[in-house]
Amino acid sequence: NPHSFNGVSVTQGFAQGKISMKAEVKLDYSTLPQYRAACLWYDT
């Protein structure tokens, strides 16, 4: 509240904004059978 402590304010209106966030990590890989190993990388 920006008003002084001596004043009293009236709420004539207000904004209420919900911000949602969604994050997804997709990996991909390939195998190296001859080494019994794999390579991993960020796909998306």
PDB file of all heavy atoms in Angstrom:
ATOM      1  N   ASN A   1       0.847  -1.198   0.000  1.00  0.00           N
ATOM      2  CA  ASN A   1       0.000   0.000   0.000  1.00  0.00           C
ATOM      3  C   ASN A   1       0.881   1.247   0.000  1.00  0.00           C
ATOM      4  O   ASN A   1       1.698   1.440   0.901  1.00  0.00           O
ATOM      5  CB  ASN A   1      -0.905  -0.014   1.241  1.00  0.00           C
ATOM      6  CG  ASN A   1      -2.008   1.026   1.158  1.00  0.00           C
ATOM      7  OD1 ASN A   1      -1.814   2.101   0.598  1.00  0.00           O
ATOM      8  ND2 ASN A   1      -3.163   0.697   1.716  1.00  0.00           N
ATOM      9  N   PRO A   2       0.717   2.133  -1.004  1.00  0.00           N
ATOM     10  CA  PRO A   2       1.580   3.316  -1.090  1.00  0.00           C
ATOM     11  C   PRO A   2       1.120   4.482  -0.217  1.00  0.00           C
ATOM     12  O   PRO A   2       1.818   5.484  -0.101  1.00  0.00           O
ATOM     13  CB  PRO A   2       1.495   3.691  -2.573  1.00  0.00           C
ATOM     14  CG  PRO A   2       0.109   3.299  -2.952  1.00  0.00           C
ATOM     15  CD  PRO A   2      -0.189   2.041  -2.165  1.00  0.00           C
ATOM     16  N   HIS A   3      -0.050   4.350   0.403  1.00  0.00           N
ATOM     17  CA  HIS A   3      -0.591   5.471   1.169  1.00  0.00           C
ATOM     18  C   HIS A   3       0.073   5.577   2.535  1.00  0.00           C
ATOM     19  O   HIS A   3       0.659   4.618   3.049  1.00  0.00           O
ATOM     20  CB  HIS A   3      -2.105   5.318   1.336  1.00  0.00           C
ATOM     21  CG  HIS A   3      -2.856   5.377   0.032  1.00  0.00           C
ATOM     22  ND1 HIS A   3      -2.969   6.518  -0.710  1.00  0.00           N
ATOM     23  CD2 HIS A   3      -3.516   4.405  -0.663  1.00  0.00           C
ATOM     24  CE1 HIS A   3      -3.685   6.271  -1.806  1.00  0.00           C
ATOM     25  NE2 HIS A   3      -4.008   4.993  -1.795  1.00  0.00           N
ATOM     26  N   SER A   4      -0.045   6.729   3.142  1.00  0.00           N
ATOM     27  CA  SER A   4       0.527   6.946   4.471  1.00  0.00           C
ATOM     28  C   SER A   4      -0.237   6.114   5.494  1.00  0.00           C
ATOM     29  O   SER A   4      -1.353   5.650   5.244  1.00  0.00           O
ATOM     30  CB  SER A   4       0.457   8.428   4.838  1.00  0.00           C
ATOM     31  OG  SER A   4      -0.897   8.829   5.014  1.00  0.00           O
ATOM     32  N   PHE A   5       0.361   5.967   6.666  1.00  0.00           N
ATOM     33  CA  PHE A   5      -0.268   5.164   7.716  1.00  0.00           C
ATOM     34  C   PHE A   5      -1.504   5.849   8.290  1.00  0.00           C
ATOM     35  O   PHE A   5      -2.338   5.202   8.919  1.00  0.00           O
ATOM     36  CB  PHE A   5       0.740   4.882   8.830  1.00  0.00           C
ATOM     37  CG  PHE A   5       1.907   4.043   8.382  1.00  0.00           C
ATOM     38  CD1 PHE A   5       3.186   4.556   8.385  1.00  0.00           C
ATOM     39  CD2 PHE A   5       1.711   2.745   7.940  1.00  0.00           C
ATOM     40  CE1 PHE A   5       4.258   3.786   7.965  1.00  0.00           C
ATOM     41  CE2 PHE A   5       2.771   1.965   7.519  1.00  0.00           C
ATOM     42  CZ  PHE A   5       4.047   2.491   7.534  1.00  0.00           C
ATOM     43  N   ASN A   6      -1.624   7.164   8.081  1.00  0.00           N
ATOM     44  CA  ASN A   6      -2.773   7.887   8.613  1.00  0.00           C
ATOM     45  C   ASN A   6      -4.015   7.747   7.739  1.00  0.00           C
ATOM     46  O   ASN A   6      -5.117   8.004   8.190  1.00  0.00           O
ATOM     47  CB  ASN A   6      -2.440   9.383   8.754  1.00  0.00           C
ATOM     48  CG  ASN A   6      -1.364   9.627   9.804  1.00  0.00           C
ATOM     49  OD1 ASN A   6      -1.290   8.909  10.793  1.00  0.00           O
ATOM     50  ND2 ASN A   6      -0.531  10.634   9.571  1.00  0.00           N
ATOM     51  N   GLY A   7      -3.805   7.370   6.481  1.00  0.00           N
ATOM     52  CA  GLY A   7      -4.927   7.281   5.553  1.00  0.00           C
ATOM     53  C   GLY A   7      -5.466   5.869   5.439  1.00  0.00           C
ATOM     54  O   GLY A   7      -4.805   4.905   5.792  1.00  0.00           O
ATOM     55  N   VAL A   8      -6.690   5.786   4.992  1.00  0.00           N
ATOM     56  CA  VAL A   8      -7.312   4.488   4.745  1.00  0.00           C
ATOM     57  C   VAL A   8      -7.780   4.471   3.302  1.00  0.00           C
ATOM     58  O   VAL A   8      -8.412   5.409   2.829  1.00  0.00           O
ATOM     59  CB  VAL A   8      -8.517   4.255   5.683  1.00  0.00           C
ATOM     60  CG1 VAL A   8      -9.094   2.863   5.446  1.00  0.00           C
ATOM     61  CG2 VAL A   8      -8.098   4.422   7.132  1.00  0.00           C
ATOM     62  N   SER A   9      -7.450   3.418   2.582  1.00  0.00           N
ATOM     63  CA  SER A   9      -7.793   3.365   1.161  1.00  0.00           C
ATOM     64  C   SER A   9      -8.936   2.405   0.901  1.00  0.00           C
ATOM     65  O   SER A   9      -9.197   1.488   1.682  1.00  0.00           O
ATOM     66  CB  SER A   9      -6.569   2.949   0.337  1.00  0.00           C
ATOM     67  OG  SER A   9      -6.167   1.649   0.703  1.00  0.00           O
ATOM     68  N   VAL A  10      -9.591   2.632  -0.205  1.00  0.00           N
ATOM     69  CA  VAL A  10     -10.666   1.767  -0.647  1.00  0.00           C
ATOM     70  C   VAL A  10     -10.210   1.018  -1.896  1.00  0.00           C
ATOM     71  O   VAL A  10      -9.667   1.624  -2.813  1.00  0.00           O
ATOM     72  CB  VAL A  10     -11.942   2.579  -0.969  1.00  0.00           C
ATOM     73  CG1 VAL A  10     -12.921   1.752  -1.799  1.00  0.00           C
ATOM     74  CG2 VAL A  10     -12.613   3.023   0.306  1.00  0.00           C
ATOM     75  N   THR A  11     -10.452  -0.264  -1.921  1.00  0.00           N
ATOM     76  CA  THR A  11     -10.142  -1.065  -3.105  1.00  0.00           C
ATOM     77  C   THR A  11     -11.334  -0.985  -4.055  1.00  0.00           C
ATOM     78  O   THR A  11     -12.387  -1.561  -3.784  1.00  0.00           O
ATOM     79  CB  THR A  11      -9.866  -2.532  -2.730  1.00  0.00           C
ATOM     80  OG1 THR A  11      -8.724  -2.589  -1.874  1.00  0.00           O
ATOM     81  CG2 THR A  11      -9.602  -3.370  -3.975  1.00  0.00           C
ATOM     82  N   GLN A  12     -11.175  -0.252  -5.147  1.00  0.00           N
ATOM     83  CA  GLN A  12     -12.242  -0.129  -6.130  1.00  0.00           C
ATOM     84  C   GLN A  12     -12.142  -1.239  -7.186  1.00  0.00           C
ATOM     85  O   GLN A  12     -13.114  -1.540  -7.874  1.00  0.00           O
ATOM     86  CB  GLN A  12     -12.167   1.239  -6.800  1.00  0.00           C
ATOM     87  CG  GLN A  12     -12.369   2.402  -5.837  1.00  0.00           C
ATOM     88  CD  GLN A  12     -12.387   3.738  -6.552  1.00  0.00           C
ATOM     89  OE1 GLN A  12     -12.878   3.840  -7.684  1.00  0.00           O
ATOM     90  NE2 GLN A  12     -11.873   4.761  -5.913  1.00  0.00           N
ATOM     91  N   GLY A  13     -10.962  -1.798  -7.301  1.00  0.00           N
ATOM     92  CA  GLY A  13     -10.753  -2.883  -8.251  1.00  0.00           C
ATOM     93  C   GLY A  13      -9.379  -3.475  -8.029  1.00  0.00           C
ATOM     94  O   GLY A  13      -8.526  -2.873  -7.376  1.00  0.00           O
ATOM     95  N   PHE A  14      -9.157  -4.672  -8.539  1.00  0.00           N
ATOM     96  CA  PHE A  14      -7.833  -5.269  -8.453  1.00  0.00           C
ATOM     97  C   PHE A  14      -7.678  -6.311  -9.554  1.00  0.00           C
ATOM     98  O   PHE A  14      -8.655  -6.843 -10.096  1.00  0.00           O
ATOM     99  CB  PHE A  14      -7.578  -5.904  -7.078  1.00  0.00           C
ATOM    100  CG  PHE A  14      -8.455  -7.096  -6.759  1.00  0.00           C
ATOM    101  CD1 PHE A  14      -8.037  -8.394  -7.042  1.00  0.00           C
ATOM    102  CD2 PHE A  14      -9.698  -6.911  -6.165  1.00  0.00           C
ATOM    103  CE1 PHE A  14      -8.841  -9.478  -6.739  1.00  0.00           C
ATOM    104  CE2 PHE A  14     -10.511  -7.998  -5.867  1.00  0.00           C
ATOM    105  CZ  PHE A  14     -10.079  -9.291  -6.153  1.00  0.00           C
ATOM    106  N   ALA A  15      -6.441  -6.554  -9.909  1.00  0.00           N
ATOM    107  CA  ALA A  15      -6.124  -7.557 -10.923  1.00  0.00           C
ATOM    108  C   ALA A  15      -5.535  -8.783 -10.251  1.00  0.00           C
ATOM    109  O   ALA A  15      -4.726  -8.676  -9.329  1.00  0.00           O
ATOM    110  CB  ALA A  15      -5.145  -6.998 -11.954  1.00  0.00           C
ATOM    111  N   GLN A  16      -5.954  -9.918 -10.716  1.00  0.00           N
ATOM    112  CA  GLN A  16      -5.468 -11.186 -10.171  1.00  0.00           C
ATOM    113  C   GLN A  16      -5.002 -12.036 -11.346  1.00  0.00           C
ATOM    114  O   GLN A  16      -5.810 -12.500 -12.155  1.00  0.00           O
ATOM    115  CB  GLN A  16      -6.589 -11.887  -9.395  1.00  0.00           C
ATOM    116  CG  GLN A  16      -6.150 -13.070  -8.581  1.00  0.00           C
ATOM    117  CD  GLN A  16      -7.316 -13.635  -7.781  1.00  0.00           C
ATOM    118  OE1 GLN A  16      -8.243 -14.200  -8.348  1.00  0.00           O
ATOM    119  NE2 GLN A  16      -7.295 -13.440  -6.473  1.00  0.00           N
ATOM    120  N   GLY A  17      -3.701 -12.187 -11.465  1.00  0.00           N
ATOM    121  CA  GLY A  17      -3.165 -12.926 -12.606  1.00  0.00           C
ATOM    122  C   GLY A  17      -2.365 -14.120 -12.174  1.00  0.00           C
ATOM    123  O   GLY A  17      -1.300 -13.975 -11.575  1.00  0.00           O
ATOM    124  N   LYS A  18      -2.862 -15.294 -12.447  1.00  0.00           N
ATOM    125  CA  LYS A  18      -2.128 -16.518 -12.130  1.00  0.00           C
ATOM    126  C   LYS A  18      -1.207 -16.849 -13.300  1.00  0.00           C
ATOM    127  O   LYS A  18      -1.640 -16.917 -14.450  1.00  0.00           O
ATOM    128  CB  LYS A  18      -3.095 -17.667 -11.893  1.00  0.00           C
ATOM    129  CG  LYS A  18      -2.406 -18.993 -11.584  1.00  0.00           C
ATOM    130  CD  LYS A  18      -3.413 -20.102 -11.393  1.00  0.00           C
ATOM    131  CE  LYS A  18      -2.708 -21.437 -11.145  1.00  0.00           C
ATOM    132  NZ  LYS A  18      -3.681 -22.559 -11.012  1.00  0.00           N
ATOM    133  N   ILE A  19       0.079 -17.013 -13.000  1.00  0.00           N
ATOM    134  CA  ILE A  19       1.048 -17.391 -14.031  1.00  0.00           C
ATOM    135  C   ILE A  19       1.498 -18.823 -13.773  1.00  0.00           C
ATOM    136  O   ILE A  19       2.107 -19.116 -12.746  1.00  0.00           O
ATOM    137  CB  ILE A  19       2.273 -16.456 -14.037  1.00  0.00           C
ATOM    138  CG1 ILE A  19       1.846 -15.012 -14.271  1.00  0.00           C
ATOM    139  CG2 ILE A  19       3.273 -16.886 -15.103  1.00  0.00           C
ATOM    140  CD1 ILE A  19       2.996 -14.025 -14.252  1.00  0.00           C
ATOM    141  N   SER A  20       1.157 -19.701 -14.682  1.00  0.00           N
ATOM    142  CA  SER A  20       1.564 -21.103 -14.546  1.00  0.00           C
ATOM    143  C   SER A  20       2.741 -21.375 -15.471  1.00  0.00           C
ATOM    144  O   SER A  20       2.835 -20.827 -16.570  1.00  0.00           O
ATOM    145  CB  SER A  20       0.406 -22.044 -14.881  1.00  0.00           C
ATOM    146  OG  SER A  20      -0.068 -21.818 -16.199  1.00  0.00           O
ATOM    147  N   MET A  21       3.635 -22.215 -15.002  1.00  0.00           N
ATOM    148  CA  MET A  21       4.805 -22.596 -15.795  1.00  0.00           C
ATOM    149  C   MET A  21       4.857 -24.112 -15.924  1.00  0.00           C
ATOM    150  O   MET A  21       4.604 -24.839 -14.965  1.00  0.00           O
ATOM    151  CB  MET A  21       6.099 -22.104 -15.143  1.00  0.00           C
ATOM    152  CG  MET A  21       7.348 -22.405 -15.972  1.00  0.00           C
ATOM    153  SD  MET A  21       8.896 -22.180 -15.055  1.00  0.00           S
ATOM    154  CE  MET A  21       8.884 -23.665 -14.023  1.00  0.00           C
ATOM    155  N   LYS A  22       5.163 -24.561 -17.112  1.00  0.00           N
ATOM    156  CA  LYS A  22       5.318 -25.995 -17.358  1.00  0.00           C
ATOM    157  C   LYS A  22       6.615 -26.213 -18.115  1.00  0.00           C
ATOM    158  O   LYS A  22       6.888 -25.538 -19.113  1.00  0.00           O
ATOM    159  CB  LYS A  22       4.137 -26.531 -18.174  1.00  0.00           C
ATOM    160  CG  LYS A  22       4.222 -28.033 -18.457  1.00  0.00           C
ATOM    161  CD  LYS A  22       3.017 -28.500 -19.250  1.00  0.00           C
ATOM    162  CE  LYS A  22       3.095 -29.995 -19.552  1.00  0.00           C
ATOM    163  NZ  LYS A  22       1.927 -30.446 -20.365  1.00  0.00           N
ATOM    164  N   ALA A  23       7.431 -27.120 -17.622  1.00  0.00           N
ATOM    165  CA  ALA A  23       8.713 -27.405 -18.267  1.00  0.00           C
ATOM    166  C   ALA A  23       8.818 -28.905 -18.550  1.00  0.00           C
ATOM    167  O   ALA A  23       8.413 -29.741 -17.739  1.00  0.00           O
ATOM    168  CB  ALA A  23       9.869 -26.957 -17.382  1.00  0.00           C
ATOM    169  N   GLU A  24       9.343 -29.228 -19.714  1.00  0.00           N
ATOM    170  CA  GLU A  24       9.493 -30.627 -20.113  1.00  0.00           C
ATOM    171  C   GLU A  24      10.848 -30.816 -20.796  1.00  0.00           C
ATOM    172  O   GLU A  24      11.239 -30.011 -21.641  1.00  0.00           O
ATOM    173  CB  GLU A  24       8.362 -31.038 -21.058  1.00  0.00           C
ATOM    174  CG  GLU A  24       8.402 -32.498 -21.474  1.00  0.00           C
ATOM    175  CD  GLU A  24       7.251 -32.879 -22.390  1.00  0.00           C
ATOM    176  OE1 GLU A  24       6.545 -31.962 -22.860  1.00  0.00           O
ATOM    177  OE2 GLU A  24       7.073 -34.078 -22.638  1.00  0.00           O
ATOM    178  N   VAL A  25      11.541 -31.856 -20.390  1.00  0.00           N
ATOM    179  CA  VAL A  25      12.849 -32.177 -20.967  1.00  0.00           C
ATOM    180  C   VAL A  25      12.759 -33.556 -21.619  1.00  0.00           C
ATOM    181  O   VAL A  25      12.419 -34.540 -20.965  1.00  0.00           O
ATOM    182  CB  VAL A  25      13.958 -32.188 -19.898  1.00  0.00           C
ATOM    183  CG1 VAL A  25      15.314 -32.460 -20.543  1.00  0.00           C
ATOM    184  CG2 VAL A  25      13.980 -30.874 -19.136  1.00  0.00           C
ATOM    185  N   LYS A  26      13.050 -33.605 -22.894  1.00  0.00           N
ATOM    186  CA  LYS A  26      13.031 -34.871 -23.618  1.00  0.00           C
ATOM    187  C   LYS A  26      14.443 -35.214 -24.067  1.00  0.00           C
ATOM    188  O   LYS A  26      15.101 -34.423 -24.738  1.00  0.00           O
ATOM    189  CB  LYS A  26      12.101 -34.784 -24.834  1.00  0.00           C
ATOM    190  CG  LYS A  26      12.034 -36.084 -25.635  1.00  0.00           C
ATOM    191  CD  LYS A  26      11.131 -35.917 -26.855  1.00  0.00           C
ATOM    192  CE  LYS A  26      11.108 -37.195 -27.698  1.00  0.00           C
ATOM    193  NZ  LYS A  26      10.277 -37.023 -28.916  1.00  0.00           N
ATOM    194  N   LEU A  27      14.903 -36.391 -23.667  1.00  0.00           N
ATOM    195  CA  LEU A  27      16.214 -36.874 -24.069  1.00  0.00           C
ATOM    196  C   LEU A  27      16.082 -37.927 -25.156  1.00  0.00           C
ATOM    197  O   LEU A  27      15.039 -38.555 -25.309  1.00  0.00           O
ATOM    198  CB  LEU A  27      16.954 -37.491 -22.873  1.00  0.00           C
ATOM    199  CG  LEU A  27      17.203 -36.603 -21.660  1.00  0.00           C
ATOM    200  CD1 LEU A  27      17.953 -37.391 -20.590  1.00  0.00           C
ATOM    201  CD2 LEU A  27      17.966 -35.357 -22.038  1.00  0.00           C
ATOM    202  N   ASP A  28      17.132 -38.106 -25.899  1.00  0.00           N
ATOM    203  CA  ASP A  28      17.205 -39.208 -26.859  1.00  0.00           C
ATOM    204  C   ASP A  28      18.551 -39.892 -26.669  1.00  0.00           C
ATOM    205  O   ASP A  28      19.433 -39.378 -25.969  1.00  0.00           O
ATOM    206  CB  ASP A  28      17.040 -38.695 -28.293  1.00  0.00           C
ATOM    207  CG  ASP A  28      16.463 -39.773 -29.215  1.00  0.00           C
ATOM    208  OD1 ASP A  28      16.457 -40.968 -28.807  1.00  0.00           O
ATOM    209  OD2 ASP A  28      16.038 -39.424 -30.326  1.00  0.00           O
ATOM    210  N   TYR A  29      18.707 -41.048 -27.284  1.00  0.00           N
ATOM    211  CA  TYR A  29      19.946 -41.784 -27.080  1.00  0.00           C
ATOM    212  C   TYR A  29      20.206 -42.736 -28.245  1.00  0.00           C
ATOM    213  O   TYR A  29      19.332 -43.026 -29.062  1.00  0.00           O
ATOM    214  CB  TYR A  29      19.876 -42.594 -25.781  1.00  0.00           C
ATOM    215  CG  TYR A  29      18.904 -43.746 -25.834  1.00  0.00           C
ATOM    216  CD1 TYR A  29      19.322 -45.046 -26.149  1.00  0.00           C
ATOM    217  CD2 TYR A  29      17.541 -43.546 -25.587  1.00  0.00           C
ATOM    218  CE1 TYR A  29      18.428 -46.099 -26.204  1.00  0.00           C
ATOM    219  CE2 TYR A  29      16.641 -44.584 -25.645  1.00  0.00           C
ATOM    220  CZ  TYR A  29      17.091 -45.873 -25.957  1.00  0.00           C
ATOM    221  OH  TYR A  29      16.195 -46.912 -26.021  1.00  0.00           O
ATOM    222  N   SER A  30      21.411 -43.180 -28.300  1.00  0.00           N
ATOM    223  CA  SER A  30      21.787 -44.248 -29.219  1.00  0.00           C
ATOM    224  C   SER A  30      22.695 -45.198 -28.460  1.00  0.00           C
ATOM    225  O   SER A  30      23.338 -44.815 -27.479  1.00  0.00           O
ATOM    226  CB  SER A  30      22.517 -43.684 -30.458  1.00  0.00           C
ATOM    227  OG  SER A  30      23.718 -43.043 -30.072  1.00  0.00           O
ATOM    228  N   THR A  31      22.713 -46.434 -28.874  1.00  0.00           N
ATOM    229  CA  THR A  31      23.538 -47.430 -28.186  1.00  0.00           C
ATOM    230  C   THR A  31      24.755 -47.804 -29.033  1.00  0.00           C
ATOM    231  O   THR A  31      24.751 -47.680 -30.260  1.00  0.00           O
ATOM    232  CB  THR A  31      22.720 -48.693 -27.887  1.00  0.00           C
ATOM    233  OG1 THR A  31      22.190 -49.219 -29.112  1.00  0.00           O
ATOM    234  CG2 THR A  31      21.573 -48.381 -26.927  1.00  0.00           C
ATOM    235  N   LEU A  32      25.770 -48.229 -28.336  1.00  0.00           N
ATOM    236  CA  LEU A  32      27.002 -48.718 -28.962  1.00  0.00           C
ATOM    237  C   LEU A  32      27.197 -50.157 -28.503  1.00  0.00           C
ATOM    238  O   LEU A  32      27.904 -50.434 -27.528  1.00  0.00           O
ATOM    239  CB  LEU A  32      28.188 -47.850 -28.538  1.00  0.00           C
ATOM    240  CG  LEU A  32      28.068 -46.353 -28.839  1.00  0.00           C
ATOM    241  CD1 LEU A  32      29.161 -45.578 -28.128  1.00  0.00           C
ATOM    242  CD2 LEU A  32      28.109 -46.101 -30.338  1.00  0.00           C
ATOM    243  N   PRO A  33      26.531 -51.098 -29.175  1.00  0.00           N
ATOM    244  CA  PRO A  33      26.538 -52.497 -28.717  1.00  0.00           C
ATOM    245  C   PRO A  33      27.932 -53.073 -28.551  1.00  0.00           C
ATOM    246  O   PRO A  33      28.179 -53.851 -27.619  1.00  0.00           O
ATOM    247  CB  PRO A  33      25.755 -53.232 -29.818  1.00  0.00           C
ATOM    248  CG  PRO A  33      24.918 -52.170 -30.442  1.00  0.00           C
ATOM    249  CD  PRO A  33      25.727 -50.928 -30.395  1.00  0.00           C
ATOM    250  N   GLN A  34      28.834 -52.701 -29.453  1.00  0.00           N
ATOM    251  CA  GLN A  34      30.172 -53.278 -29.379  1.00  0.00           C
ATOM    252  C   GLN A  34      30.917 -52.848 -28.123  1.00  0.00           C
ATOM    253  O   GLN A  34      31.858 -53.524 -27.686  1.00  0.00           O
ATOM    254  CB  GLN A  34      30.983 -52.904 -30.634  1.00  0.00           C
ATOM    255  CG  GLN A  34      31.344 -51.431 -30.778  1.00  0.00           C
ATOM    256  CD  GLN A  34      30.271 -50.624 -31.484  1.00  0.00           C
ATOM    257  OE1 GLN A  34      29.082 -50.868 -31.279  1.00  0.00           O
ATOM    258  NE2 GLN A  34      30.691 -49.684 -32.314  1.00  0.00           N
ATOM    259  N   TYR A  35      30.488 -51.709 -27.541  1.00  0.00           N
ATOM    260  CA  TYR A  35      31.116 -51.236 -26.311  1.00  0.00           C
ATOM    261  C   TYR A  35      30.193 -51.393 -25.099  1.00  0.00           C
ATOM    262  O   TYR A  35      30.583 -51.051 -23.991  1.00  0.00           O
ATOM    263  CB  TYR A  35      31.484 -49.762 -26.448  1.00  0.00           C
ATOM    264  CG  TYR A  35      32.528 -49.475 -27.492  1.00  0.00           C
ATOM    265  CD1 TYR A  35      32.186 -48.865 -28.691  1.00  0.00           C
ATOM    266  CD2 TYR A  35      33.866 -49.812 -27.271  1.00  0.00           C
ATOM    267  CE1 TYR A  35      33.150 -48.594 -29.658  1.00  0.00           C
ATOM    268  CE2 TYR A  35      34.830 -49.548 -28.229  1.00  0.00           C
ATOM    269  CZ  TYR A  35      34.473 -48.934 -29.426  1.00  0.00           C
ATOM    270  OH  TYR A  35      35.428 -48.670 -30.370  1.00  0.00           O
ATOM    271  N   ARG A  36      28.988 -51.884 -25.356  1.00  0.00           N
ATOM    272  CA  ARG A  36      27.980 -51.965 -24.294  1.00  0.00           C
ATOM    273  C   ARG A  36      27.839 -50.603 -23.609  1.00  0.00           C
ATOM    274  O   ARG A  36      27.887 -50.469 -22.399  1.00  0.00           O
ATOM    275  CB  ARG A  36      28.347 -53.051 -23.276  1.00  0.00           C
ATOM    276  CG  ARG A  36      28.346 -54.445 -23.857  1.00  0.00           C
ATOM    277  CD  ARG A  36      28.681 -55.476 -22.831  1.00  0.00           C
ATOM    278  NE  ARG A  36      28.646 -56.816 -23.400  1.00  0.00           N
ATOM    279  CZ  ARG A  36      28.923 -57.939 -22.728  1.00  0.00           C
ATOM    280  NH1 ARG A  36      29.238 -57.860 -21.449  1.00  0.00           N
ATOM    281  NH2 ARG A  36      28.859 -59.105 -23.320  1.00  0.00           N
ATOM    282  N   ALA A  37      27.650 -49.600 -24.457  1.00  0.00           N
ATOM    283  CA  ALA A  37      27.578 -48.218 -23.974  1.00  0.00           C
ATOM    284  C   ALA A  37      26.483 -47.477 -24.723  1.00  0.00           C
ATOM    285  O   ALA A  37      25.830 -48.018 -25.616  1.00  0.00           O
ATOM    286  CB  ALA A  37      28.931 -47.537 -24.164  1.00  0.00           C
ATOM    287  N   ALA A  38      26.293 -46.219 -24.305  1.00  0.00           N
ATOM    288  CA  ALA A  38      25.249 -45.401 -24.920  1.00  0.00           C
ATOM    289  C   ALA A  38      25.683 -43.942 -24.981  1.00  0.00           C
ATOM    290  O   ALA A  38      26.569 -43.501 -24.237  1.00  0.00           O
ATOM    291  CB  ALA A  38      23.951 -45.523 -24.139  1.00  0.00           C
ATOM    292  N   CYS A  39      25.049 -43.231 -25.870  1.00  0.00           N
ATOM    293  CA  CYS A  39      25.211 -41.782 -25.979  1.00  0.00           C
ATOM    294  C   CYS A  39      23.857 -41.148 -25.650  1.00  0.00           C
ATOM    295  O   CYS A  39      22.821 -41.609 -26.131  1.00  0.00           O
ATOM    296  CB  CYS A  39      25.628 -41.386 -27.398  1.00  0.00           C
ATOM    297  SG  CYS A  39      27.111 -42.205 -28.012  1.00  0.00           S
ATOM    298  N   LEU A  40      23.871 -40.117 -24.824  1.00  0.00           N
ATOM    299  CA  LEU A  40      22.644 -39.421 -24.423  1.00  0.00           C
ATOM    300  C   LEU A  40      22.730 -37.963 -24.859  1.00  0.00           C
ATOM    301  O   LEU A  40      23.790 -37.356 -24.783  1.00  0.00           O
ATOM    302  CB  LEU A  40      22.463 -39.469 -22.901  1.00  0.00           C
ATOM    303  CG  LEU A  40      22.543 -40.834 -22.220  1.00  0.00           C
ATOM    304  CD1 LEU A  40      22.543 -40.641 -20.712  1.00  0.00           C
ATOM    305  CD2 LEU A  40      21.389 -41.704 -22.644  1.00  0.00           C
ATOM    306  N   TRP A  41      21.603 -37.414 -25.281  1.00  0.00           N
ATOM    307  CA  TRP A  41      21.600 -35.993 -25.633  1.00  0.00           C
ATOM    308  C   TRP A  41      20.216 -35.383 -25.408  1.00  0.00           C
ATOM    309  O   TRP A  41      19.204 -36.093 -25.332  1.00  0.00           O
ATOM    310  CB  TRP A  41      22.038 -35.783 -27.083  1.00  0.00           C
ATOM    311  CG  TRP A  41      21.147 -36.418 -28.124  1.00  0.00           C
ATOM    312  CD1 TRP A  41      20.017 -35.901 -28.680  1.00  0.00           C
ATOM    313  CD2 TRP A  41      21.321 -37.710 -28.712  1.00  0.00           C
ATOM    314  NE1 TRP A  41      19.478 -36.769 -29.582  1.00  0.00           N
ATOM    315  CE2 TRP A  41      20.268 -37.895 -29.635  1.00  0.00           C
ATOM    316  CE3 TRP A  41      22.278 -38.726 -28.576  1.00  0.00           C
ATOM    317  CZ2 TRP A  41      20.115 -39.054 -30.393  1.00  0.00           C
ATOM    318  CZ3 TRP A  41      22.137 -39.885 -29.326  1.00  0.00           C
ATOM    319  CH2 TRP A  41      21.063 -40.024 -30.230  1.00  0.00           C
ATOM    320  N   TYR A  42      20.235 -34.064 -25.297  1.00  0.00           N
ATOM    321  CA  TYR A  42      18.979 -33.332 -25.162  1.00  0.00           C
ATOM    322  C   TYR A  42      18.322 -33.235 -26.534  1.00  0.00           C
ATOM    323  O   TYR A  42      18.883 -32.658 -27.455  1.00  0.00           O
ATOM    324  CB  TYR A  42      19.222 -31.915 -24.633  1.00  0.00           C
ATOM    325  CG  TYR A  42      19.710 -31.864 -23.202  1.00  0.00           C
ATOM    326  CD1 TYR A  42      21.047 -31.609 -22.913  1.00  0.00           C
ATOM    327  CD2 TYR A  42      18.828 -32.042 -22.145  1.00  0.00           C
ATOM    328  CE1 TYR A  42      21.495 -31.543 -21.612  1.00  0.00           C
ATOM    329  CE2 TYR A  42      19.265 -31.985 -20.835  1.00  0.00           C
ATOM    330  CZ  TYR A  42      20.606 -31.734 -20.571  1.00  0.00           C
ATOM    331  OH  TYR A  42      21.042 -31.666 -19.265  1.00  0.00           O
ATOM    332  N   ASP A  43      17.140 -33.795 -26.648  1.00  0.00           N
ATOM    333  CA  ASP A  43      16.400 -33.700 -27.903  1.00  0.00           C
ATOM    334  C   ASP A  43      15.573 -32.412 -27.935  1.00  0.00           C
ATOM    335  O   ASP A  43      15.691 -31.609 -28.855  1.00  0.00           O
ATOM    336  CB  ASP A  43      15.480 -34.914 -28.069  1.00  0.00           C
ATOM    337  CG  ASP A  43      14.695 -34.856 -29.357  1.00  0.00           C
ATOM    338  OD1 ASP A  43      15.273 -35.161 -30.410  1.00  0.00           O
ATOM    339  OD2 ASP A  43      13.498 -34.489 -29.314  1.00  0.00           O
ATOM    340  N   THR A  44      14.730 -32.231 -26.906  1.00  0.00           N
ATOM    341  CA  THR A  44      13.853 -31.065 -26.857  1.00  0.00           C
ATOM    342  C   THR A  44      13.713 -30.577 -25.423  1.00  0.00           C
ATOM    343  O   THR A  44      13.544 -31.385 -24.507  1.00  0.00           O
ATOM    344  CB  THR A  44      12.451 -31.391 -27.401  1.00  0.00           C
ATOM    345  OG1 THR A  44      12.565 -31.962 -28.705  1.00  0.00           O
ATOM    346  CG2 THR A  44      11.583 -30.137 -27.473  1.00  0.00           C
TER     347      THR A  44
END
